[in-house]
Amino acid sequence: MTDLDKRISEYAKWIESRYDDSHELRGKGKNGYIDGKADAYESSLREFKRIFNVKEE
């Protein structure tokens, strides 16, 4: 597995965990809404930059 494959896998697992967290809350009868649209975008972008080591110019 290449480094890029590992990073893609890590990001996919992070996204899946976000879904699982939300799904688990709904299963307990709680609000499964974790992030607002802007918050979800920001947290996804932040994780993408961390995992793929993206540097700002």
PDB file of N, CA and C in Angstrom:
ATOM      1  N   MET A   1       0.854  -1.180   0.000  1.00  0.00           N
ATOM      2  CA  MET A   1       0.000   0.000   0.000  1.00  0.00           C
ATOM      3  C   MET A   1       0.897   1.239   0.000  1.00  0.00           C
ATOM      4  N   THR A   2       0.627   2.140  -0.919  1.00  0.00           N
ATOM      5  CA  THR A   2       1.430   3.356  -1.008  1.00  0.00           C
ATOM      6  C   THR A   2       1.002   4.355   0.062  1.00  0.00           C
ATOM      7  N   ASP A   3       1.825   5.367   0.247  1.00  0.00           N
ATOM      8  CA  ASP A   3       1.511   6.420   1.213  1.00  0.00           C
ATOM      9  C   ASP A   3       0.187   7.098   0.867  1.00  0.00           C
ATOM     10  N   LEU A   4      -0.034   7.337  -0.421  1.00  0.00           N
ATOM     11  CA  LEU A   4      -1.282   7.974  -0.844  1.00  0.00           C
ATOM     12  C   LEU A   4      -2.477   7.074  -0.532  1.00  0.00           C
ATOM     13  N   ASP A   5      -2.334   5.788  -0.769  1.00  0.00           N
ATOM     14  CA  ASP A   5      -3.406   4.841  -0.436  1.00  0.00           C
ATOM     15  C   ASP A   5      -3.732   4.894   1.054  1.00  0.00           C
ATOM     16  N   LYS A   6      -2.701   4.953   1.881  1.00  0.00           N
ATOM     17  CA  LYS A   6      -2.897   5.016   3.332  1.00  0.00           C
ATOM     18  C   LYS A   6      -3.641   6.283   3.725  1.00  0.00           C
ATOM     19  N   ARG A   7      -3.287   7.398   3.111  1.00  0.00           N
ATOM     20  CA  ARG A   7      -3.930   8.669   3.434  1.00  0.00           C
ATOM     21  C   ARG A   7      -5.393   8.682   2.988  1.00  0.00           C
ATOM     22  N   ILE A   8      -5.644   8.140   1.801  1.00  0.00           N
ATOM     23  CA  ILE A   8      -7.019   8.058   1.313  1.00  0.00           C
ATOM     24  C   ILE A   8      -7.843   7.171   2.238  1.00  0.00           C
ATOM     25  N   SER A   9      -7.273   6.053   2.648  1.00  0.00           N
ATOM     26  CA  SER A   9      -7.955   5.143   3.562  1.00  0.00           C
ATOM     27  C   SER A   9      -8.250   5.819   4.895  1.00  0.00           C
ATOM     28  N   GLU A  10      -7.281   6.564   5.415  1.00  0.00           N
ATOM     29  CA  GLU A  10      -7.473   7.273   6.686  1.00  0.00           C
ATOM     30  C   GLU A  10      -8.599   8.299   6.576  1.00  0.00           C
ATOM     31  N   TYR A  11      -8.629   9.037   5.471  1.00  0.00           N
ATOM     32  CA  TYR A  11      -9.674  10.044   5.286  1.00  0.00           C
ATOM     33  C   TYR A  11     -11.048   9.387   5.153  1.00  0.00           C
ATOM     34  N   ALA A  12     -11.099   8.280   4.411  1.00  0.00           N
ATOM     35  CA  ALA A  12     -12.366   7.552   4.257  1.00  0.00           C
ATOM     36  C   ALA A  12     -12.854   7.036   5.616  1.00  0.00           C
ATOM     37  N   LYS A  13     -11.937   6.531   6.433  1.00  0.00           N
ATOM     38  CA  LYS A  13     -12.309   6.051   7.771  1.00  0.00           C
ATOM     39  C   LYS A  13     -12.821   7.198   8.633  1.00  0.00           C
ATOM     40  N   TRP A  14     -12.211   8.372   8.514  1.00  0.00           N
ATOM     41  CA  TRP A  14     -12.656   9.533   9.294  1.00  0.00           C
ATOM     42  C   TRP A  14     -14.083   9.915   8.885  1.00  0.00           C
ATOM     43  N   ILE A  15     -14.334   9.962   7.577  1.00  0.00           N
ATOM     44  CA  ILE A  15     -15.674  10.295   7.089  1.00  0.00           C
ATOM     45  C   ILE A  15     -16.686   9.255   7.580  1.00  0.00           C
ATOM     46  N   GLU A  16     -16.325   7.988   7.489  1.00  0.00           N
ATOM     47  CA  GLU A  16     -17.203   6.915   7.943  1.00  0.00           C
ATOM     48  C   GLU A  16     -17.497   7.035   9.435  1.00  0.00           C
ATOM     49  N   SER A  17     -16.496   7.406  10.222  1.00  0.00           N
ATOM     50  CA  SER A  17     -16.708   7.550  11.664  1.00  0.00           C
ATOM     51  C   SER A  17     -17.683   8.683  11.967  1.00  0.00           C
ATOM     52  N   ARG A  18     -17.647   9.729  11.170  1.00  0.00           N
ATOM     53  CA  ARG A  18     -18.589  10.838  11.363  1.00  0.00           C
ATOM     54  C   ARG A  18     -20.016  10.353  11.109  1.00  0.00           C
ATOM     55  N   TYR A  19     -20.189   9.535  10.071  1.00  0.00           N
ATOM     56  CA  TYR A  19     -21.505   8.980   9.778  1.00  0.00           C
ATOM     57  C   TYR A  19     -21.937   8.048  10.914  1.00  0.00           C
ATOM     58  N   ASP A  20     -21.023   7.193  11.358  1.00  0.00           N
ATOM     59  CA  ASP A  20     -21.336   6.244  12.430  1.00  0.00           C
ATOM     60  C   ASP A  20     -21.748   6.966  13.711  1.00  0.00           C
ATOM     61  N   ASP A  21     -21.038   8.044  14.050  1.00  0.00           N
ATOM     62  CA  ASP A  21     -21.380   8.823  15.245  1.00  0.00           C
ATOM     63  C   ASP A  21     -22.800   9.368  15.143  1.00  0.00           C
ATOM     64  N   SER A  22     -23.124   9.931  13.986  1.00  0.00           N
ATOM     65  CA  SER A  22     -24.453  10.495  13.766  1.00  0.00           C
ATOM     66  C   SER A  22     -25.516   9.401  13.801  1.00  0.00           C
ATOM     67  N   HIS A  23     -25.224   8.288  13.153  1.00  0.00           N
ATOM     68  CA  HIS A  23     -26.171   7.174  13.094  1.00  0.00           C
ATOM     69  C   HIS A  23     -26.419   6.599  14.493  1.00  0.00           C
ATOM     70  N   GLU A  24     -25.368   6.501  15.285  1.00  0.00           N
ATOM     71  CA  GLU A  24     -25.490   5.979  16.652  1.00  0.00           C
ATOM     72  C   GLU A  24     -26.371   6.889  17.506  1.00  0.00           C
ATOM     73  N   LEU A  25     -26.200   8.192  17.368  1.00  0.00           N
ATOM     74  CA  LEU A  25     -27.032   9.137  18.123  1.00  0.00           C
ATOM     75  C   LEU A  25     -28.499   8.984  17.747  1.00  0.00           C
ATOM     76  N   ARG A  26     -28.783   8.874  16.440  1.00  0.00           N
ATOM     77  CA  ARG A  26     -30.168   8.690  15.993  1.00  0.00           C
ATOM     78  C   ARG A  26     -30.749   7.395  16.533  1.00  0.00           C
ATOM     79  N   GLY A  27     -29.917   6.340  16.615  1.00  0.00           N
ATOM     80  CA  GLY A  27     -30.357   5.055  17.136  1.00  0.00           C
ATOM     81  C   GLY A  27     -30.743   5.124  18.605  1.00  0.00           C
ATOM     82  N   LYS A  28     -30.156   6.068  19.314  1.00  0.00           N
ATOM     83  CA  LYS A  28     -30.468   6.263  20.731  1.00  0.00           C
ATOM     84  C   LYS A  28     -31.611   7.254  20.927  1.00  0.00           C
ATOM     85  N   GLY A  29     -32.222   7.666  19.819  1.00  0.00           N
ATOM     86  CA  GLY A  29     -33.343   8.591  19.893  1.00  0.00           C
ATOM     87  C   GLY A  29     -32.928  10.031  20.106  1.00  0.00           C
ATOM     88  N   LYS A  30     -31.650  10.315  19.865  1.00  0.00           N
ATOM     89  CA  LYS A  30     -31.154  11.689  20.016  1.00  0.00           C
ATOM     90  C   LYS A  30     -30.992  12.313  18.643  1.00  0.00           C
ATOM     91  N   ASN A  31     -30.775  13.595  18.635  1.00  0.00           N
ATOM     92  CA  ASN A  31     -30.557  14.307  17.379  1.00  0.00           C
ATOM     93  C   ASN A  31     -29.236  13.852  16.769  1.00  0.00           C
ATOM     94  N   GLY A  32     -29.286  13.327  15.554  1.00  0.00           N
ATOM     95  CA  GLY A  32     -28.091  12.862  14.878  1.00  0.00           C
ATOM     96  C   GLY A  32     -27.369  13.954  14.123  1.00  0.00           C
ATOM     97  N   TYR A  33     -27.855  15.163  14.239  1.00  0.00           N
ATOM     98  CA  TYR A  33     -27.272  16.286  13.525  1.00  0.00           C
ATOM     99  C   TYR A  33     -26.026  16.748  14.273  1.00  0.00           C
ATOM    100  N   ILE A  34     -24.852  16.460  13.733  1.00  0.00           N
ATOM    101  CA  ILE A  34     -23.604  16.762  14.434  1.00  0.00           C
ATOM    102  C   ILE A  34     -23.087  18.157  14.087  1.00  0.00           C
ATOM    103  N   ASP A  35     -22.974  18.435  12.814  1.00  0.00           N
ATOM    104  CA  ASP A  35     -22.403  19.705  12.359  1.00  0.00           C
ATOM    105  C   ASP A  35     -23.390  20.434  11.467  1.00  0.00           C
ATOM    106  N   GLY A  36     -23.309  21.735  11.504  1.00  0.00           N
ATOM    107  CA  GLY A  36     -24.017  22.516  10.510  1.00  0.00           C
ATOM    108  C   GLY A  36     -23.297  22.363   9.179  1.00  0.00           C
ATOM    109  N   LYS A  37     -23.905  22.808   8.118  1.00  0.00           N
ATOM    110  CA  LYS A  37     -23.309  22.655   6.778  1.00  0.00           C
ATOM    111  C   LYS A  37     -21.919  23.284   6.728  1.00  0.00           C
ATOM    112  N   ALA A  38     -21.784  24.506   7.205  1.00  0.00           N
ATOM    113  CA  ALA A  38     -20.489  25.185   7.181  1.00  0.00           C
ATOM    114  C   ALA A  38     -19.499  24.487   8.106  1.00  0.00           C
ATOM    115  N   ASP A  39     -19.967  24.051   9.292  1.00  0.00           N
ATOM    116  CA  ASP A  39     -19.092  23.363  10.233  1.00  0.00           C
ATOM    117  C   ASP A  39     -18.603  22.040   9.658  1.00  0.00           C
ATOM    118  N   ALA A  40     -19.489  21.305   9.005  1.00  0.00           N
ATOM    119  CA  ALA A  40     -19.116  20.020   8.406  1.00  0.00           C
ATOM    120  C   ALA A  40     -18.067  20.232   7.323  1.00  0.00           C
ATOM    121  N   TYR A  41     -18.251  21.253   6.520  1.00  0.00           N
ATOM    122  CA  TYR A  41     -17.277  21.554   5.473  1.00  0.00           C
ATOM    123  C   TYR A  41     -15.931  21.898   6.089  1.00  0.00           C
ATOM    124  N   GLU A  42     -15.934  22.773   7.092  1.00  0.00           N
ATOM    125  CA  GLU A  42     -14.685  23.196   7.731  1.00  0.00           C
ATOM    126  C   GLU A  42     -13.966  22.026   8.395  1.00  0.00           C
ATOM    127  N   SER A  43     -14.706  21.165   9.097  1.00  0.00           N
ATOM    128  CA  SER A  43     -14.050  20.045   9.767  1.00  0.00           C
ATOM    129  C   SER A  43     -13.510  19.045   8.738  1.00  0.00           C
ATOM    130  N   SER A  44     -14.233  18.833   7.639  1.00  0.00           N
ATOM    131  CA  SER A  44     -13.752  17.941   6.580  1.00  0.00           C
ATOM    132  C   SER A  44     -12.507  18.510   5.912  1.00  0.00           C
ATOM    133  N   LEU A  45     -12.523  19.785   5.649  1.00  0.00           N
ATOM    134  CA  LEU A  45     -11.370  20.440   5.024  1.00  0.00           C
ATOM    135  C   LEU A  45     -10.159  20.389   5.948  1.00  0.00           C
ATOM    136  N   ARG A  46     -10.384  20.632   7.219  1.00  0.00           N
ATOM    137  CA  ARG A  46      -9.296  20.601   8.206  1.00  0.00           C
ATOM    138  C   ARG A  46      -8.673  19.196   8.265  1.00  0.00           C
ATOM    139  N   GLU A  47      -9.511  18.163   8.304  1.00  0.00           N
ATOM    140  CA  GLU A  47      -9.002  16.787   8.339  1.00  0.00           C
ATOM    141  C   GLU A  47      -8.283  16.438   7.042  1.00  0.00           C
ATOM    142  N   PHE A  48      -8.830  16.867   5.903  1.00  0.00           N
ATOM    143  CA  PHE A  48      -8.182  16.614   4.619  1.00  0.00           C
ATOM    144  C   PHE A  48      -6.787  17.227   4.606  1.00  0.00           C
ATOM    145  N   LYS A  49      -6.682  18.474   5.039  1.00  0.00           N
ATOM    146  CA  LYS A  49      -5.380  19.145   5.053  1.00  0.00           C
ATOM    147  C   LYS A  49      -4.404  18.461   5.992  1.00  0.00           C
ATOM    148  N   ARG A  50      -4.910  17.995   7.136  1.00  0.00           N
ATOM    149  CA  ARG A  50      -4.038  17.314   8.100  1.00  0.00           C
ATOM    150  C   ARG A  50      -3.554  15.982   7.526  1.00  0.00           C
ATOM    151  N   ILE A  51      -4.473  15.187   7.014  1.00  0.00           N
ATOM    152  CA  ILE A  51      -4.136  13.851   6.528  1.00  0.00           C
ATOM    153  C   ILE A  51      -3.240  13.903   5.292  1.00  0.00           C
ATOM    154  N   PHE A  52      -3.531  14.824   4.383  1.00  0.00           N
ATOM    155  CA  PHE A  52      -2.758  14.910   3.146  1.00  0.00           C
ATOM    156  C   PHE A  52      -1.611  15.917   3.225  1.00  0.00           C
ATOM    157  N   ASN A  53      -1.406  16.455   4.436  1.00  0.00           N
ATOM    158  CA  ASN A  53      -0.285  17.365   4.694  1.00  0.00           C
ATOM    159  C   ASN A  53      -0.270  18.535   3.703  1.00  0.00           C
ATOM    160  N   VAL A  54      -1.406  19.174   3.536  1.00  0.00           N
ATOM    161  CA  VAL A  54      -1.551  20.304   2.619  1.00  0.00           C
ATOM    162  C   VAL A  54      -1.018  21.562   3.304  1.00  0.00           C
ATOM    163  N   LYS A  55      -0.127  22.236   2.651  1.00  0.00           N
ATOM    164  CA  LYS A  55       0.449  23.473   3.182  1.00  0.00           C
ATOM    165  C   LYS A  55      -0.179  24.678   2.487  1.00  0.00           C
ATOM    166  N   GLU A  56      -0.532  25.668   3.261  1.00  0.00           N
ATOM    167  CA  GLU A  56      -1.084  26.904   2.704  1.00  0.00           C
ATOM    168  C   GLU A  56       0.047  27.725   2.090  1.00  0.00           C
ATOM    169  N   GLU A  57      -0.247  28.387   0.987  1.00  0.00           N
ATOM    170  CA  GLU A  57       0.768  29.231   0.336  1.00  0.00           C
ATOM    171  C   GLU A  57       0.638  30.657   0.797  1.00  0.00           C
TER     172      GLU A  57
END
